[in-house]
Amino acid sequence: MAEQGSNTPTSLLKPEEAARFLSISTRTLNRWVDQGVIPVIKLGGSRRFKREDLMATIDKNRSCGNV
């Protein structure tokens, strides 16, 4: 599947794969999706995740040690 205006194919991850990528449970992943923390692509009754969106979520939530 290619993004509009791009020649690079986009890899979509299943929820289990996305959760593993983020080192979280699928339950946490679903909660974050419901809270709007992580963007999701809905295909029929399935949820899929772009690796780029997951990386952007990580970058956006990165701390500089001032917790």
N, C-alpha and C. Protein backbone atom coordinates (compact mmCIF):
# COMPACT_ATOMS: atom_id res chain seq x y z
N MET A 1 0.84 -1.16 0.00
CA MET A 1 0.00 0.00 0.00
C MET A 1 0.89 1.23 0.00
N ALA A 2 0.70 2.16 -0.87
CA ALA A 2 1.52 3.36 -0.95
C ALA A 2 0.72 4.56 -0.49
N GLU A 3 1.40 5.48 0.20
CA GLU A 3 0.77 6.71 0.62
C GLU A 3 0.51 7.57 -0.60
N GLN A 4 -0.51 8.40 -0.51
CA GLN A 4 -0.82 9.30 -1.61
C GLN A 4 0.33 10.26 -1.83
N GLY A 5 0.80 10.36 -3.05
CA GLY A 5 1.89 11.26 -3.38
C GLY A 5 3.26 10.74 -3.01
N SER A 6 3.35 9.47 -2.70
CA SER A 6 4.63 8.89 -2.30
C SER A 6 4.86 7.58 -3.03
N ASN A 7 6.11 7.28 -3.36
CA ASN A 7 6.44 6.02 -4.00
C ASN A 7 6.87 4.97 -2.99
N THR A 8 6.92 5.34 -1.70
CA THR A 8 7.37 4.44 -0.66
C THR A 8 6.16 3.72 -0.06
N PRO A 9 6.19 2.38 -0.02
CA PRO A 9 5.06 1.67 0.59
C PRO A 9 5.02 1.89 2.09
N THR A 10 3.82 1.90 2.63
CA THR A 10 3.62 2.07 4.07
C THR A 10 3.32 0.73 4.69
N SER A 11 4.09 0.39 5.70
CA SER A 11 3.89 -0.87 6.41
C SER A 11 2.91 -0.64 7.55
N LEU A 12 1.83 -1.40 7.55
CA LEU A 12 0.83 -1.29 8.60
C LEU A 12 1.01 -2.45 9.58
N LEU A 13 1.00 -2.12 10.86
CA LEU A 13 1.18 -3.12 11.90
C LEU A 13 -0.15 -3.50 12.53
N LYS A 14 -0.29 -4.77 12.85
CA LYS A 14 -1.46 -5.24 13.59
C LYS A 14 -1.29 -4.77 15.04
N PRO A 15 -2.39 -4.74 15.82
CA PRO A 15 -2.28 -4.29 17.21
C PRO A 15 -1.22 -5.03 18.02
N GLU A 16 -1.13 -6.33 17.85
CA GLU A 16 -0.13 -7.11 18.59
C GLU A 16 1.28 -6.68 18.22
N GLU A 17 1.50 -6.42 16.94
CA GLU A 17 2.82 -5.98 16.47
C GLU A 17 3.14 -4.58 16.98
N ALA A 18 2.15 -3.69 16.95
CA ALA A 18 2.36 -2.32 17.43
C ALA A 18 2.66 -2.32 18.93
N ALA A 19 1.93 -3.12 19.68
CA ALA A 19 2.16 -3.20 21.13
C ALA A 19 3.57 -3.72 21.42
N ARG A 20 3.98 -4.74 20.69
CA ARG A 20 5.33 -5.29 20.86
C ARG A 20 6.38 -4.24 20.50
N PHE A 21 6.14 -3.49 19.42
CA PHE A 21 7.06 -2.44 18.99
C PHE A 21 7.24 -1.39 20.09
N LEU A 22 6.15 -1.06 20.79
CA LEU A 22 6.19 -0.06 21.86
C LEU A 22 6.52 -0.65 23.23
N SER A 23 6.64 -1.96 23.31
CA SER A 23 6.90 -2.67 24.57
C SER A 23 5.81 -2.40 25.60
N ILE A 24 4.56 -2.47 25.13
CA ILE A 24 3.40 -2.30 26.00
C ILE A 24 2.41 -3.43 25.72
N SER A 25 1.40 -3.56 26.55
CA SER A 25 0.38 -4.58 26.32
C SER A 25 -0.63 -4.08 25.28
N THR A 26 -1.35 -5.00 24.67
CA THR A 26 -2.39 -4.59 23.72
C THR A 26 -3.50 -3.83 24.43
N ARG A 27 -3.71 -4.15 25.70
CA ARG A 27 -4.72 -3.42 26.48
C ARG A 27 -4.32 -1.94 26.62
N THR A 28 -3.05 -1.69 26.92
CA THR A 28 -2.56 -0.31 27.01
C THR A 28 -2.63 0.37 25.65
N LEU A 29 -2.25 -0.34 24.61
CA LEU A 29 -2.33 0.21 23.26
C LEU A 29 -3.76 0.66 22.94
N ASN A 30 -4.73 -0.21 23.20
CA ASN A 30 -6.12 0.14 22.94
C ASN A 30 -6.59 1.32 23.77
N ARG A 31 -6.14 1.40 25.01
CA ARG A 31 -6.50 2.53 25.87
C ARG A 31 -5.92 3.82 25.31
N TRP A 32 -4.66 3.79 24.86
CA TRP A 32 -4.03 4.97 24.30
C TRP A 32 -4.71 5.40 23.00
N VAL A 33 -5.15 4.43 22.20
CA VAL A 33 -5.90 4.76 20.98
C VAL A 33 -7.19 5.47 21.35
N ASP A 34 -7.92 4.91 22.31
CA ASP A 34 -9.19 5.49 22.75
C ASP A 34 -9.01 6.89 23.34
N GLN A 35 -7.85 7.14 23.96
CA GLN A 35 -7.54 8.45 24.55
C GLN A 35 -6.98 9.43 23.50
N GLY A 36 -6.71 8.95 22.29
CA GLY A 36 -6.18 9.81 21.24
C GLY A 36 -4.68 10.01 21.31
N VAL A 37 -3.99 9.19 22.09
CA VAL A 37 -2.53 9.30 22.22
C VAL A 37 -1.84 8.78 20.96
N ILE A 38 -2.38 7.70 20.40
CA ILE A 38 -1.79 7.06 19.23
C ILE A 38 -2.81 7.06 18.09
N PRO A 39 -2.41 7.52 16.90
CA PRO A 39 -3.31 7.47 15.75
C PRO A 39 -3.52 6.04 15.28
N VAL A 40 -4.70 5.76 14.79
CA VAL A 40 -5.04 4.42 14.32
C VAL A 40 -5.70 4.52 12.95
N ILE A 41 -5.51 3.48 12.16
CA ILE A 41 -6.18 3.36 10.86
C ILE A 41 -7.19 2.24 11.01
N LYS A 42 -8.44 2.53 10.73
CA LYS A 42 -9.48 1.51 10.84
C LYS A 42 -9.80 0.97 9.45
N LEU A 43 -9.62 -0.32 9.29
CA LEU A 43 -9.93 -1.01 8.04
C LEU A 43 -11.01 -2.04 8.34
N GLY A 44 -12.24 -1.72 7.97
CA GLY A 44 -13.34 -2.61 8.33
C GLY A 44 -13.44 -2.66 9.84
N GLY A 45 -13.37 -3.85 10.41
CA GLY A 45 -13.40 -4.01 11.86
C GLY A 45 -12.03 -4.11 12.47
N SER A 46 -10.98 -3.88 11.69
CA SER A 46 -9.60 -4.04 12.17
C SER A 46 -8.93 -2.70 12.41
N ARG A 47 -8.03 -2.69 13.36
CA ARG A 47 -7.19 -1.52 13.61
C ARG A 47 -5.78 -1.82 13.11
N ARG A 48 -5.17 -0.84 12.46
CA ARG A 48 -3.79 -0.96 11.99
C ARG A 48 -3.03 0.30 12.35
N PHE A 49 -1.72 0.17 12.46
CA PHE A 49 -0.88 1.26 12.92
C PHE A 49 0.29 1.46 11.97
N LYS A 50 0.60 2.72 11.68
CA LYS A 50 1.78 3.03 10.88
C LYS A 50 2.97 3.15 11.81
N ARG A 51 4.06 2.50 11.43
CA ARG A 51 5.29 2.55 12.23
C ARG A 51 5.74 4.00 12.44
N GLU A 52 5.57 4.83 11.42
CA GLU A 52 5.95 6.24 11.51
C GLU A 52 5.14 6.97 12.58
N ASP A 53 3.85 6.63 12.70
CA ASP A 53 3.01 7.24 13.74
C ASP A 53 3.46 6.81 15.12
N LEU A 54 3.85 5.56 15.26
CA LEU A 54 4.31 5.07 16.55
C LEU A 54 5.62 5.77 16.94
N MET A 55 6.52 5.93 15.98
CA MET A 55 7.78 6.63 16.25
C MET A 55 7.51 8.09 16.62
N ALA A 56 6.57 8.73 15.93
CA ALA A 56 6.23 10.12 16.24
C ALA A 56 5.67 10.24 17.65
N THR A 57 4.87 9.26 18.06
CA THR A 57 4.32 9.26 19.42
C THR A 57 5.44 9.13 20.44
N ILE A 58 6.40 8.27 20.17
CA ILE A 58 7.55 8.12 21.07
C ILE A 58 8.31 9.44 21.15
N ASP A 59 8.61 10.04 20.01
CA ASP A 59 9.37 11.30 19.98
C ASP A 59 8.62 12.41 20.71
N LYS A 60 7.31 12.48 20.51
CA LYS A 60 6.51 13.53 21.13
C LYS A 60 6.48 13.41 22.65
N ASN A 61 6.56 12.20 23.15
CA ASN A 61 6.46 11.95 24.58
C ASN A 61 7.81 11.73 25.25
N ARG A 62 8.87 12.00 24.53
CA ARG A 62 10.22 11.83 25.08
C ARG A 62 10.49 12.88 26.17
N SER A 63 11.07 12.44 27.25
CA SER A 63 11.38 13.32 28.38
C SER A 63 12.87 13.64 28.38
N CYS A 64 13.21 14.80 28.87
CA CYS A 64 14.61 15.20 28.97
C CYS A 64 15.16 14.94 30.37
N GLY A 65 14.49 14.09 31.12
CA GLY A 65 14.97 13.75 32.45
C GLY A 65 14.33 14.58 33.54
N ASN A 66 13.50 15.55 33.18
CA ASN A 66 12.82 16.38 34.18
C ASN A 66 11.44 15.81 34.44
N VAL A 67 11.41 14.69 35.14
CA VAL A 67 10.15 13.99 35.38
C VAL A 67 9.40 14.61 36.52
